Amino acid sequence: MRTYIVAGSPTGQPPADLRPRPDDRVIAADYGAHHALAWGWPIHLLIGDLDSLPGPAARAMAAAGIPTITAPAAKDETDLELALAHAAAEGARAIVICAALGGRADHMLANVLLLARPELAGLDVIIAEGTQTLRLLRGAAAGRPAATLALTGRAGDLLSLLPIGGAARGVTTQGLAYPLRDETLYLGQTRGVSNLFEGSAASVALRAGLLLVIHTRASE
């Protein structure tokens, strides 16, 4: 079972290759309920201060009896952060965050950096938007070995690797046009941007640091 969290980016798109299955759970973060209803997705929980939820969506939610956790408008967390923390507290092991890119730059960057929350280490958490999928790879730490991520796609797909919070060390890739072999990607440099899948599979290994892995599927 996966937990889908639908955030409130005004330009949010559903994932191209993912949608909830009957046994999956869907949490809407405020305006994310509007997206979920528009996509025909079920909603099992609504979280947020509800300051941006359109009237028709709010009435549809109320009529359906959707459980709601209402947060105060003056709070330290965004609605998406509240939804993500709630999903982790519920014991979700796989989380798909949708409609989190686009719109305001500060919101988009904050949403992506939520992947670095400590309690998400060890969980399968992705941001999926249209043809893009974002994951955070965490290197070795106390009690955690070096990380390896296997990816499936097709020739011509883009893969970008961006260090977060400092250098990403011991980066090794396979199946990409421009391989890295136990190398360091430095914060503030763009060496890891726009690599290419050579076939249907690729992998990334990381020894130390945090590495954002962005997979953009090629057009048909």
N, C-alpha and C. Protein backbone atom coordinates (compact mmCIF):
# COMPACT_ATOMS: atom_id res chain seq x y z
N MET A 1 0.84 -1.19 0.00
CA MET A 1 0.00 0.00 0.00
C MET A 1 0.87 1.24 0.00
N ARG A 2 0.49 2.21 -0.82
CA ARG A 2 1.16 3.50 -0.86
C ARG A 2 0.25 4.56 -0.26
N THR A 3 0.88 5.62 0.23
CA THR A 3 0.14 6.83 0.59
C THR A 3 0.48 7.91 -0.42
N TYR A 4 -0.56 8.42 -1.07
CA TYR A 4 -0.40 9.54 -1.99
C TYR A 4 -0.75 10.81 -1.25
N ILE A 5 0.10 11.83 -1.37
CA ILE A 5 -0.19 13.15 -0.82
C ILE A 5 -0.29 14.11 -1.98
N VAL A 6 -1.44 14.77 -2.10
CA VAL A 6 -1.65 15.72 -3.19
C VAL A 6 -1.51 17.12 -2.61
N ALA A 7 -0.48 17.83 -3.05
CA ALA A 7 -0.22 19.18 -2.57
C ALA A 7 -0.98 20.20 -3.42
N GLY A 8 -0.70 21.48 -3.19
CA GLY A 8 -1.54 22.52 -3.77
C GLY A 8 -0.88 23.40 -4.80
N SER A 9 0.13 22.91 -5.53
CA SER A 9 0.70 23.73 -6.59
C SER A 9 -0.38 24.13 -7.58
N PRO A 10 -0.48 25.42 -7.95
CA PRO A 10 -1.54 25.83 -8.86
C PRO A 10 -1.43 25.21 -10.24
N THR A 11 -0.23 24.75 -10.59
CA THR A 11 -0.04 24.13 -11.91
C THR A 11 0.16 22.62 -11.79
N GLY A 12 -0.30 22.03 -10.69
CA GLY A 12 -0.06 20.61 -10.44
C GLY A 12 -0.59 19.70 -11.53
N GLN A 13 0.23 18.72 -11.90
CA GLN A 13 -0.15 17.71 -12.88
C GLN A 13 -0.11 16.34 -12.22
N PRO A 14 -1.01 15.44 -12.59
CA PRO A 14 -0.94 14.08 -12.04
C PRO A 14 0.28 13.35 -12.59
N PRO A 15 0.83 12.40 -11.85
CA PRO A 15 1.95 11.62 -12.37
C PRO A 15 1.55 10.89 -13.64
N ALA A 16 2.47 10.85 -14.61
CA ALA A 16 2.14 10.23 -15.88
C ALA A 16 1.93 8.72 -15.77
N ASP A 17 2.67 8.07 -14.87
CA ASP A 17 2.65 6.61 -14.82
C ASP A 17 2.21 6.05 -13.48
N LEU A 18 1.61 6.88 -12.63
CA LEU A 18 1.19 6.44 -11.31
C LEU A 18 -0.21 6.97 -11.01
N ARG A 19 -1.01 6.13 -10.37
CA ARG A 19 -2.27 6.59 -9.82
C ARG A 19 -2.64 5.64 -8.69
N PRO A 20 -3.43 6.09 -7.73
CA PRO A 20 -3.75 5.23 -6.58
C PRO A 20 -4.47 3.96 -6.98
N ARG A 21 -4.09 2.87 -6.33
CA ARG A 21 -4.81 1.60 -6.46
C ARG A 21 -5.87 1.54 -5.38
N PRO A 22 -6.78 0.58 -5.48
CA PRO A 22 -7.88 0.53 -4.51
C PRO A 22 -7.44 0.46 -3.05
N ASP A 23 -6.27 -0.14 -2.78
CA ASP A 23 -5.84 -0.27 -1.40
C ASP A 23 -4.90 0.85 -0.96
N ASP A 24 -4.67 1.85 -1.81
CA ASP A 24 -3.80 2.97 -1.46
C ASP A 24 -4.58 4.03 -0.69
N ARG A 25 -3.85 4.89 0.00
CA ARG A 25 -4.44 5.96 0.80
C ARG A 25 -4.08 7.30 0.15
N VAL A 26 -5.04 8.22 0.09
CA VAL A 26 -4.82 9.53 -0.51
C VAL A 26 -5.10 10.61 0.53
N ILE A 27 -4.09 11.44 0.79
CA ILE A 27 -4.21 12.57 1.69
C ILE A 27 -4.11 13.84 0.85
N ALA A 28 -5.08 14.72 0.98
CA ALA A 28 -5.06 15.99 0.27
C ALA A 28 -4.62 17.09 1.22
N ALA A 29 -3.66 17.91 0.78
CA ALA A 29 -3.19 19.05 1.55
C ALA A 29 -3.86 20.30 0.99
N ASP A 30 -4.91 20.76 1.68
CA ASP A 30 -5.64 21.97 1.31
C ASP A 30 -6.04 21.97 -0.17
N TYR A 31 -5.48 22.87 -0.99
CA TYR A 31 -5.88 22.97 -2.40
C TYR A 31 -5.63 21.67 -3.16
N GLY A 32 -4.82 20.79 -2.59
CA GLY A 32 -4.61 19.50 -3.23
C GLY A 32 -5.89 18.72 -3.40
N ALA A 33 -6.90 19.00 -2.56
CA ALA A 33 -8.19 18.33 -2.72
C ALA A 33 -8.83 18.69 -4.06
N HIS A 34 -8.65 19.94 -4.49
CA HIS A 34 -9.17 20.36 -5.80
C HIS A 34 -8.54 19.52 -6.91
N HIS A 35 -7.21 19.33 -6.85
CA HIS A 35 -6.53 18.51 -7.86
C HIS A 35 -7.04 17.07 -7.82
N ALA A 36 -7.07 16.49 -6.62
CA ALA A 36 -7.48 15.09 -6.51
C ALA A 36 -8.88 14.87 -7.08
N LEU A 37 -9.80 15.77 -6.79
CA LEU A 37 -11.16 15.65 -7.33
C LEU A 37 -11.14 15.78 -8.85
N ALA A 38 -10.34 16.71 -9.36
CA ALA A 38 -10.26 16.91 -10.81
C ALA A 38 -9.66 15.70 -11.51
N TRP A 39 -8.74 15.00 -10.83
CA TRP A 39 -8.10 13.82 -11.43
C TRP A 39 -8.94 12.56 -11.25
N GLY A 40 -10.04 12.65 -10.52
CA GLY A 40 -10.86 11.48 -10.27
C GLY A 40 -10.29 10.56 -9.21
N TRP A 41 -9.44 11.09 -8.32
CA TRP A 41 -8.84 10.28 -7.27
C TRP A 41 -9.72 10.31 -6.03
N PRO A 42 -9.73 9.23 -5.25
CA PRO A 42 -10.42 9.27 -3.96
C PRO A 42 -9.63 10.13 -2.98
N ILE A 43 -10.29 10.62 -1.96
CA ILE A 43 -9.63 11.36 -0.89
C ILE A 43 -10.04 10.72 0.43
N HIS A 44 -9.05 10.30 1.21
CA HIS A 44 -9.33 9.65 2.48
C HIS A 44 -9.13 10.58 3.68
N LEU A 45 -8.37 11.68 3.46
CA LEU A 45 -8.13 12.62 4.55
C LEU A 45 -7.75 13.96 3.95
N LEU A 46 -8.28 15.04 4.55
CA LEU A 46 -7.94 16.40 4.16
C LEU A 46 -7.21 17.06 5.32
N ILE A 47 -6.06 17.68 5.02
CA ILE A 47 -5.25 18.33 6.05
C ILE A 47 -4.90 19.75 5.58
N GLY A 48 -4.96 20.71 6.48
CA GLY A 48 -4.49 22.05 6.17
C GLY A 48 -5.31 23.12 6.84
N ASP A 49 -4.93 24.38 6.59
CA ASP A 49 -5.70 25.48 7.16
C ASP A 49 -6.91 25.83 6.29
N LEU A 50 -6.99 25.20 5.11
CA LEU A 50 -8.15 25.32 4.21
C LEU A 50 -8.40 26.75 3.76
N ASP A 51 -7.33 27.52 3.64
CA ASP A 51 -7.48 28.91 3.21
C ASP A 51 -7.52 29.06 1.70
N SER A 52 -7.15 28.01 0.97
CA SER A 52 -7.12 28.10 -0.49
C SER A 52 -8.02 27.08 -1.18
N LEU A 53 -8.79 26.31 -0.42
CA LEU A 53 -9.65 25.29 -1.02
C LEU A 53 -10.88 25.96 -1.62
N PRO A 54 -11.13 25.78 -2.92
CA PRO A 54 -12.29 26.42 -3.55
C PRO A 54 -13.60 25.93 -2.92
N GLY A 55 -14.63 26.80 -2.94
CA GLY A 55 -15.92 26.47 -2.35
C GLY A 55 -16.51 25.17 -2.86
N PRO A 56 -16.56 24.94 -4.19
CA PRO A 56 -17.14 23.69 -4.70
C PRO A 56 -16.43 22.45 -4.17
N ALA A 57 -15.09 22.50 -4.09
CA ALA A 57 -14.34 21.36 -3.57
C ALA A 57 -14.62 21.16 -2.09
N ALA A 58 -14.69 22.26 -1.34
CA ALA A 58 -14.98 22.16 0.09
C ALA A 58 -16.36 21.55 0.33
N ARG A 59 -17.34 21.97 -0.48
CA ARG A 59 -18.69 21.43 -0.32
C ARG A 59 -18.74 19.95 -0.70
N ALA A 60 -17.99 19.58 -1.74
CA ALA A 60 -17.96 18.17 -2.14
C ALA A 60 -17.33 17.31 -1.05
N MET A 61 -16.28 17.83 -0.43
CA MET A 61 -15.64 17.09 0.64
C MET A 61 -16.58 16.94 1.83
N ALA A 62 -17.26 18.02 2.20
CA ALA A 62 -18.18 17.95 3.33
C ALA A 62 -19.31 16.99 3.06
N ALA A 63 -19.85 17.02 1.85
CA ALA A 63 -20.97 16.14 1.50
C ALA A 63 -20.55 14.68 1.54
N ALA A 64 -19.28 14.41 1.21
CA ALA A 64 -18.79 13.03 1.20
C ALA A 64 -18.35 12.57 2.59
N GLY A 65 -18.35 13.48 3.56
CA GLY A 65 -17.95 13.11 4.91
C GLY A 65 -16.48 12.78 5.04
N ILE A 66 -15.63 13.44 4.25
CA ILE A 66 -14.19 13.17 4.29
C ILE A 66 -13.61 13.64 5.63
N PRO A 67 -12.90 12.80 6.36
CA PRO A 67 -12.26 13.26 7.61
C PRO A 67 -11.31 14.42 7.33
N THR A 68 -11.31 15.39 8.24
CA THR A 68 -10.52 16.60 8.04
C THR A 68 -9.75 16.95 9.31
N ILE A 69 -8.47 17.28 9.11
CA ILE A 69 -7.66 17.83 10.19
C ILE A 69 -7.40 19.29 9.83
N THR A 70 -8.01 20.20 10.58
CA THR A 70 -7.89 21.63 10.28
C THR A 70 -6.79 22.25 11.13
N ALA A 71 -5.85 22.88 10.46
CA ALA A 71 -4.73 23.54 11.13
C ALA A 71 -4.97 25.04 11.18
N PRO A 72 -4.39 25.73 12.15
CA PRO A 72 -4.52 27.19 12.18
C PRO A 72 -3.77 27.83 11.03
N ALA A 73 -4.25 28.98 10.58
CA ALA A 73 -3.57 29.69 9.50
C ALA A 73 -2.18 30.14 9.92
N ALA A 74 -2.03 30.56 11.18
CA ALA A 74 -0.72 30.98 11.70
C ALA A 74 -0.02 29.75 12.27
N LYS A 75 0.87 29.18 11.48
CA LYS A 75 1.55 27.95 11.88
C LYS A 75 2.96 27.95 11.31
N ASP A 76 3.79 27.06 11.83
CA ASP A 76 5.19 27.00 11.41
C ASP A 76 5.40 26.12 10.18
N GLU A 77 4.45 25.24 9.85
CA GLU A 77 4.61 24.29 8.76
C GLU A 77 3.66 24.62 7.61
N THR A 78 4.06 24.25 6.41
CA THR A 78 3.12 24.32 5.29
C THR A 78 2.13 23.17 5.40
N ASP A 79 1.05 23.28 4.65
CA ASP A 79 0.06 22.19 4.65
C ASP A 79 0.67 20.89 4.17
N LEU A 80 1.56 20.97 3.18
CA LEU A 80 2.20 19.74 2.70
C LEU A 80 3.08 19.13 3.77
N GLU A 81 3.82 19.94 4.51
CA GLU A 81 4.66 19.39 5.57
C GLU A 81 3.81 18.69 6.64
N LEU A 82 2.66 19.29 6.97
CA LEU A 82 1.77 18.66 7.94
C LEU A 82 1.28 17.30 7.41
N ALA A 83 0.91 17.26 6.13
CA ALA A 83 0.42 16.01 5.55
C ALA A 83 1.51 14.95 5.51
N LEU A 84 2.73 15.36 5.19
CA LEU A 84 3.84 14.42 5.11
C LEU A 84 4.17 13.86 6.50
N ALA A 85 4.20 14.74 7.50
CA ALA A 85 4.47 14.28 8.86
C ALA A 85 3.37 13.33 9.34
N HIS A 86 2.12 13.62 8.97
CA HIS A 86 1.01 12.75 9.37
C HIS A 86 1.14 11.38 8.71
N ALA A 87 1.49 11.35 7.43
CA ALA A 87 1.66 10.07 6.74
C ALA A 87 2.76 9.24 7.37
N ALA A 88 3.89 9.89 7.71
CA ALA A 88 4.99 9.16 8.35
C ALA A 88 4.57 8.64 9.72
N ALA A 89 3.82 9.47 10.47
CA ALA A 89 3.36 9.05 11.79
C ALA A 89 2.38 7.89 11.72
N GLU A 90 1.62 7.82 10.62
CA GLU A 90 0.69 6.70 10.42
C GLU A 90 1.40 5.40 10.11
N GLY A 91 2.70 5.49 9.79
CA GLY A 91 3.46 4.28 9.47
C GLY A 91 3.59 4.00 7.99
N ALA A 92 3.33 4.99 7.15
CA ALA A 92 3.47 4.79 5.71
C ALA A 92 4.91 4.42 5.38
N ARG A 93 5.09 3.42 4.54
CA ARG A 93 6.43 3.02 4.12
C ARG A 93 6.76 3.52 2.72
N ALA A 94 5.73 3.81 1.91
CA ALA A 94 5.91 4.33 0.56
C ALA A 94 4.99 5.53 0.39
N ILE A 95 5.55 6.67 0.00
CA ILE A 95 4.79 7.91 -0.11
C ILE A 95 5.08 8.53 -1.47
N VAL A 96 4.00 8.91 -2.18
CA VAL A 96 4.11 9.62 -3.45
C VAL A 96 3.53 11.01 -3.26
N ILE A 97 4.35 12.03 -3.43
CA ILE A 97 3.92 13.42 -3.29
C ILE A 97 3.63 13.97 -4.68
N CYS A 98 2.42 14.49 -4.86
CA CYS A 98 1.99 14.99 -6.17
C CYS A 98 1.66 16.49 -6.08
N ALA A 99 1.67 17.16 -7.23
CA ALA A 99 1.30 18.58 -7.32
C ALA A 99 2.15 19.44 -6.38
N ALA A 100 3.43 19.14 -6.32
CA ALA A 100 4.33 19.87 -5.42
C ALA A 100 5.33 20.75 -6.17
N LEU A 101 5.32 20.70 -7.50
CA LEU A 101 6.25 21.50 -8.30
C LEU A 101 5.46 22.58 -9.04
N GLY A 102 6.16 23.55 -9.59
CA GLY A 102 5.49 24.64 -10.28
C GLY A 102 5.01 25.70 -9.30
N GLY A 103 4.41 26.75 -9.83
CA GLY A 103 3.93 27.82 -8.98
C GLY A 103 5.09 28.65 -8.43
N ARG A 104 4.95 29.13 -7.20
CA ARG A 104 5.96 29.99 -6.59
C ARG A 104 7.27 29.24 -6.35
N ALA A 105 8.38 29.93 -6.61
CA ALA A 105 9.69 29.30 -6.45
C ALA A 105 9.95 28.90 -5.01
N ASP A 106 9.53 29.74 -4.04
CA ASP A 106 9.80 29.40 -2.65
C ASP A 106 9.04 28.15 -2.23
N HIS A 107 7.78 28.02 -2.68
CA HIS A 107 7.01 26.82 -2.37
C HIS A 107 7.65 25.59 -3.01
N MET A 108 8.04 25.71 -4.27
CA MET A 108 8.60 24.56 -4.97
C MET A 108 9.88 24.07 -4.30
N LEU A 109 10.78 25.00 -3.97
CA LEU A 109 12.04 24.61 -3.34
C LEU A 109 11.79 24.02 -1.96
N ALA A 110 10.90 24.63 -1.19
CA ALA A 110 10.59 24.10 0.14
C ALA A 110 10.00 22.70 0.04
N ASN A 111 9.14 22.47 -0.96
CA ASN A 111 8.53 21.15 -1.13
C ASN A 111 9.58 20.10 -1.45
N VAL A 112 10.51 20.42 -2.33
CA VAL A 112 11.56 19.46 -2.69
C VAL A 112 12.45 19.16 -1.49
N LEU A 113 12.78 20.18 -0.72
CA LEU A 113 13.67 19.98 0.43
C LEU A 113 13.00 19.21 1.56
N LEU A 114 11.67 19.07 1.53
CA LEU A 114 11.01 18.23 2.52
C LEU A 114 11.48 16.78 2.44
N LEU A 115 12.01 16.38 1.29
CA LEU A 115 12.52 15.01 1.16
C LEU A 115 13.66 14.72 2.14
N ALA A 116 14.28 15.79 2.65
CA ALA A 116 15.41 15.62 3.57
C ALA A 116 14.98 15.47 5.02
N ARG A 117 13.68 15.46 5.32
CA ARG A 117 13.25 15.31 6.71
C ARG A 117 13.84 14.01 7.29
N PRO A 118 14.41 14.07 8.49
CA PRO A 118 15.09 12.89 9.05
C PRO A 118 14.19 11.67 9.18
N GLU A 119 12.91 11.86 9.53
CA GLU A 119 12.05 10.69 9.74
C GLU A 119 11.69 9.97 8.45
N LEU A 120 12.07 10.56 7.30
CA LEU A 120 11.80 9.90 6.03
C LEU A 120 12.94 8.97 5.60
N ALA A 121 14.05 9.01 6.31
CA ALA A 121 15.17 8.11 5.99
C ALA A 121 14.69 6.66 6.13
N GLY A 122 14.95 5.87 5.12
CA GLY A 122 14.51 4.47 5.15
C GLY A 122 13.16 4.25 4.52
N LEU A 123 12.41 5.32 4.22
CA LEU A 123 11.13 5.19 3.56
C LEU A 123 11.30 5.40 2.05
N ASP A 124 10.36 4.88 1.28
CA ASP A 124 10.36 5.08 -0.17
C ASP A 124 9.48 6.30 -0.46
N VAL A 125 10.11 7.47 -0.60
CA VAL A 125 9.38 8.72 -0.78
C VAL A 125 9.81 9.35 -2.10
N ILE A 126 8.83 9.70 -2.93
CA ILE A 126 9.13 10.36 -4.20
C ILE A 126 8.20 11.54 -4.40
N ILE A 127 8.66 12.49 -5.20
CA ILE A 127 7.80 13.53 -5.74
C ILE A 127 7.57 13.17 -7.20
N ALA A 128 6.32 13.06 -7.60
CA ALA A 128 5.99 12.66 -8.97
C ALA A 128 5.07 13.72 -9.58
N GLU A 129 5.49 14.27 -10.70
CA GLU A 129 4.74 15.35 -11.35
C GLU A 129 4.87 15.19 -12.85
N GLY A 130 3.78 14.89 -13.55
CA GLY A 130 3.87 14.67 -14.98
C GLY A 130 4.87 13.58 -15.29
N THR A 131 5.87 13.90 -16.10
CA THR A 131 6.90 12.92 -16.49
C THR A 131 8.13 12.98 -15.59
N GLN A 132 8.08 13.76 -14.52
CA GLN A 132 9.24 13.90 -13.63
C GLN A 132 9.05 13.14 -12.33
N THR A 133 10.13 12.53 -11.88
CA THR A 133 10.14 11.85 -10.58
C THR A 133 11.40 12.27 -9.84
N LEU A 134 11.22 12.70 -8.57
CA LEU A 134 12.34 13.15 -7.75
C LEU A 134 12.46 12.25 -6.54
N ARG A 135 13.70 11.85 -6.23
CA ARG A 135 14.02 11.06 -5.05
C ARG A 135 15.24 11.66 -4.37
N LEU A 136 15.37 11.42 -3.09
CA LEU A 136 16.57 11.84 -2.36
C LEU A 136 17.34 10.60 -1.95
N LEU A 137 18.60 10.54 -2.37
CA LEU A 137 19.48 9.43 -2.01
C LEU A 137 20.36 9.89 -0.85
N ARG A 138 20.40 9.09 0.21
CA ARG A 138 21.16 9.44 1.42
C ARG A 138 22.37 8.51 1.53
N GLY A 139 23.52 9.11 1.69
CA GLY A 139 24.74 8.33 1.81
C GLY A 139 24.88 7.69 3.18
N ALA A 140 26.02 7.09 3.40
CA ALA A 140 26.26 6.36 4.64
C ALA A 140 26.20 7.29 5.84
N ALA A 141 25.66 6.78 6.92
CA ALA A 141 25.61 7.48 8.21
C ALA A 141 25.61 6.42 9.28
N ALA A 142 25.55 6.85 10.53
CA ALA A 142 25.53 5.89 11.63
C ALA A 142 24.38 4.91 11.46
N GLY A 143 24.71 3.64 11.32
CA GLY A 143 23.69 2.62 11.17
C GLY A 143 23.11 2.51 9.78
N ARG A 144 23.63 3.28 8.82
CA ARG A 144 23.10 3.23 7.47
C ARG A 144 24.24 3.08 6.47
N PRO A 145 24.20 2.07 5.61
CA PRO A 145 25.27 1.85 4.64
C PRO A 145 25.17 2.81 3.47
N ALA A 146 26.17 2.79 2.60
CA ALA A 146 26.11 3.55 1.37
C ALA A 146 24.86 3.16 0.59
N ALA A 147 24.33 4.12 -0.18
CA ALA A 147 23.03 3.93 -0.83
C ALA A 147 23.19 3.62 -2.30
N THR A 148 22.27 2.79 -2.81
CA THR A 148 22.19 2.49 -4.23
C THR A 148 20.75 2.60 -4.68
N LEU A 149 20.53 3.23 -5.82
CA LEU A 149 19.19 3.40 -6.36
C LEU A 149 19.14 2.84 -7.77
N ALA A 150 18.23 1.89 -8.02
CA ALA A 150 18.02 1.33 -9.35
C ALA A 150 16.84 2.04 -9.99
N LEU A 151 17.00 2.39 -11.26
CA LEU A 151 15.97 3.14 -11.98
C LEU A 151 15.62 2.43 -13.28
N THR A 152 14.36 2.49 -13.65
CA THR A 152 13.93 1.94 -14.94
C THR A 152 13.37 3.08 -15.79
N GLY A 153 13.65 3.01 -17.07
CA GLY A 153 13.18 4.02 -18.00
C GLY A 153 13.38 3.54 -19.41
N ARG A 154 13.88 4.45 -20.24
CA ARG A 154 14.19 4.06 -21.61
C ARG A 154 15.27 4.99 -22.15
N ALA A 155 15.90 4.58 -23.23
CA ALA A 155 16.97 5.38 -23.82
C ALA A 155 16.47 6.78 -24.13
N GLY A 156 17.27 7.75 -23.75
CA GLY A 156 16.91 9.14 -23.99
C GLY A 156 16.29 9.84 -22.80
N ASP A 157 15.88 9.09 -21.77
CA ASP A 157 15.40 9.72 -20.54
C ASP A 157 16.53 10.55 -19.93
N LEU A 158 16.14 11.66 -19.27
CA LEU A 158 17.11 12.51 -18.60
C LEU A 158 17.24 12.11 -17.13
N LEU A 159 18.46 12.19 -16.61
CA LEU A 159 18.69 11.97 -15.19
C LEU A 159 19.65 13.05 -14.70
N SER A 160 19.20 13.82 -13.72
CA SER A 160 20.03 14.85 -13.14
C SER A 160 20.32 14.52 -11.67
N LEU A 161 21.54 14.79 -11.24
CA LEU A 161 21.98 14.50 -9.88
C LEU A 161 22.46 15.80 -9.26
N LEU A 162 21.79 16.24 -8.19
CA LEU A 162 22.10 17.51 -7.55
C LEU A 162 22.40 17.30 -6.08
N PRO A 163 23.60 17.66 -5.61
CA PRO A 163 23.90 17.53 -4.18
C PRO A 163 23.12 18.56 -3.38
N ILE A 164 22.77 18.20 -2.15
CA ILE A 164 22.03 19.08 -1.25
C ILE A 164 22.81 19.19 0.07
N GLY A 165 22.99 20.41 0.55
CA GLY A 165 23.60 20.61 1.86
C GLY A 165 25.10 20.45 1.91
N GLY A 166 25.72 20.24 0.78
CA GLY A 166 27.16 20.03 0.73
C GLY A 166 27.52 19.06 -0.37
N ALA A 167 28.76 18.66 -0.42
CA ALA A 167 29.21 17.77 -1.49
C ALA A 167 28.61 16.37 -1.33
N ALA A 168 28.32 15.75 -2.46
CA ALA A 168 27.91 14.34 -2.50
C ALA A 168 29.13 13.54 -2.97
N ARG A 169 29.60 12.60 -2.12
CA ARG A 169 30.88 11.93 -2.39
C ARG A 169 30.67 10.45 -2.72
N GLY A 170 31.57 9.96 -3.54
CA GLY A 170 31.49 8.56 -3.92
C GLY A 170 30.31 8.27 -4.81
N VAL A 171 30.06 9.13 -5.79
CA VAL A 171 28.94 8.94 -6.71
C VAL A 171 29.39 8.05 -7.87
N THR A 172 28.67 6.97 -8.07
CA THR A 172 28.96 6.03 -9.16
C THR A 172 27.67 5.75 -9.91
N THR A 173 27.70 5.82 -11.21
CA THR A 173 26.51 5.56 -12.01
C THR A 173 26.78 4.45 -13.02
N GLN A 174 25.70 3.80 -13.41
CA GLN A 174 25.74 2.80 -14.48
C GLN A 174 24.55 3.03 -15.40
N GLY A 175 24.72 2.72 -16.67
CA GLY A 175 23.62 2.81 -17.62
C GLY A 175 23.37 4.22 -18.14
N LEU A 176 24.28 5.15 -17.88
CA LEU A 176 24.12 6.53 -18.32
C LEU A 176 25.20 6.89 -19.35
N ALA A 177 24.89 7.86 -20.19
CA ALA A 177 25.81 8.23 -21.27
C ALA A 177 27.11 8.82 -20.73
N TYR A 178 27.04 9.52 -19.61
CA TYR A 178 28.22 10.16 -19.03
C TYR A 178 28.43 9.59 -17.63
N PRO A 179 29.20 8.53 -17.54
CA PRO A 179 29.31 7.81 -16.26
C PRO A 179 30.13 8.58 -15.23
N LEU A 180 29.80 8.32 -13.98
CA LEU A 180 30.58 8.80 -12.84
C LEU A 180 31.12 7.58 -12.11
N ARG A 181 32.37 7.65 -11.71
CA ARG A 181 33.02 6.51 -11.07
C ARG A 181 33.64 6.96 -9.76
N ASP A 182 32.91 6.76 -8.67
CA ASP A 182 33.38 7.12 -7.34
C ASP A 182 33.86 8.57 -7.30
N GLU A 183 33.01 9.46 -7.77
CA GLU A 183 33.39 10.87 -7.91
C GLU A 183 32.58 11.74 -6.95
N THR A 184 32.98 13.01 -6.86
CA THR A 184 32.32 13.97 -5.97
C THR A 184 31.57 15.01 -6.80
N LEU A 185 30.32 15.23 -6.43
CA LEU A 185 29.54 16.33 -7.01
C LEU A 185 29.45 17.42 -5.96
N TYR A 186 29.83 18.64 -6.34
CA TYR A 186 29.93 19.72 -5.38
C TYR A 186 28.70 20.62 -5.43
N LEU A 187 28.27 21.07 -4.26
CA LEU A 187 27.16 22.00 -4.16
C LEU A 187 27.50 23.29 -4.91
N GLY A 188 26.57 23.77 -5.73
CA GLY A 188 26.79 24.99 -6.49
C GLY A 188 27.39 24.77 -7.86
N GLN A 189 27.65 23.51 -8.23
CA GLN A 189 28.12 23.18 -9.57
C GLN A 189 27.09 22.32 -10.28
N THR A 190 27.14 22.30 -11.60
CA THR A 190 26.07 21.68 -12.39
C THR A 190 26.53 20.43 -13.15
N ARG A 191 27.59 19.82 -12.71
CA ARG A 191 28.12 18.67 -13.46
C ARG A 191 27.12 17.54 -13.59
N GLY A 192 26.25 17.36 -12.58
CA GLY A 192 25.34 16.22 -12.61
C GLY A 192 24.05 16.44 -13.37
N VAL A 193 23.90 17.57 -14.05
CA VAL A 193 22.64 17.90 -14.72
C VAL A 193 22.58 17.27 -16.11
N SER A 194 21.41 16.75 -16.47
CA SER A 194 21.07 16.32 -17.84
C SER A 194 21.93 15.19 -18.37
N ASN A 195 22.13 14.14 -17.56
CA ASN A 195 22.70 12.90 -18.09
C ASN A 195 21.61 12.16 -18.84
N LEU A 196 21.96 11.10 -19.55
CA LEU A 196 21.02 10.40 -20.41
C LEU A 196 21.04 8.90 -20.16
N PHE A 197 19.84 8.28 -20.09
CA PHE A 197 19.73 6.83 -20.08
C PHE A 197 20.23 6.29 -21.42
N GLU A 198 21.06 5.24 -21.35
CA GLU A 198 21.48 4.56 -22.58
C GLU A 198 20.52 3.44 -22.96
N GLY A 199 19.78 2.94 -22.00
CA GLY A 199 18.84 1.85 -22.26
C GLY A 199 17.68 1.94 -21.29
N SER A 200 17.19 0.80 -20.86
CA SER A 200 15.99 0.77 -20.02
C SER A 200 16.30 0.78 -18.52
N ALA A 201 17.57 0.73 -18.15
CA ALA A 201 17.92 0.66 -16.73
C ALA A 201 19.14 1.51 -16.44
N ALA A 202 19.16 2.09 -15.25
CA ALA A 202 20.31 2.86 -14.79
C ALA A 202 20.38 2.72 -13.27
N SER A 203 21.53 3.05 -12.71
CA SER A 203 21.67 3.00 -11.26
C SER A 203 22.59 4.12 -10.79
N VAL A 204 22.37 4.52 -9.54
CA VAL A 204 23.19 5.56 -8.90
C VAL A 204 23.58 5.05 -7.52
N ALA A 205 24.86 5.13 -7.19
CA ALA A 205 25.34 4.78 -5.86
C ALA A 205 25.96 6.01 -5.23
N LEU A 206 25.80 6.14 -3.91
CA LEU A 206 26.30 7.31 -3.18
C LEU A 206 26.93 6.83 -1.88
N ARG A 207 28.15 7.28 -1.64
CA ARG A 207 28.82 6.88 -0.41
C ARG A 207 28.52 7.83 0.75
N ALA A 208 28.50 9.15 0.49
CA ALA A 208 28.29 10.10 1.57
C ALA A 208 27.62 11.37 1.05
N GLY A 209 26.74 11.94 1.87
CA GLY A 209 26.06 13.17 1.52
C GLY A 209 24.61 12.92 1.14
N LEU A 210 23.99 13.94 0.59
CA LEU A 210 22.61 13.87 0.12
C LEU A 210 22.58 14.22 -1.36
N LEU A 211 21.88 13.40 -2.14
CA LEU A 211 21.87 13.58 -3.59
C LEU A 211 20.43 13.53 -4.10
N LEU A 212 19.99 14.62 -4.71
CA LEU A 212 18.66 14.66 -5.32
C LEU A 212 18.75 14.04 -6.71
N VAL A 213 17.92 13.04 -6.97
CA VAL A 213 17.92 12.30 -8.23
C VAL A 213 16.62 12.64 -8.97
N ILE A 214 16.76 13.29 -10.13
CA ILE A 214 15.60 13.77 -10.89
C ILE A 214 15.56 13.02 -12.23
N HIS A 215 14.51 12.23 -12.40
CA HIS A 215 14.33 11.42 -13.61
C HIS A 215 13.21 12.05 -14.44
N THR A 216 13.52 12.45 -15.66
CA THR A 216 12.53 13.02 -16.58
C THR A 216 12.39 12.10 -17.77
N ARG A 217 11.20 11.53 -17.91
CA ARG A 217 10.98 10.58 -18.99
C ARG A 217 10.90 11.30 -20.33
N ALA A 218 11.51 10.69 -21.36
CA ALA A 218 11.49 11.27 -22.70
C ALA A 218 10.09 11.21 -23.28
N SER A 219 9.79 12.12 -24.18
CA SER A 219 8.48 12.12 -24.85
C SER A 219 8.34 10.90 -25.73
N GLU A 220 7.10 10.47 -25.91
CA GLU A 220 6.86 9.30 -26.76
C GLU A 220 7.33 9.58 -28.19
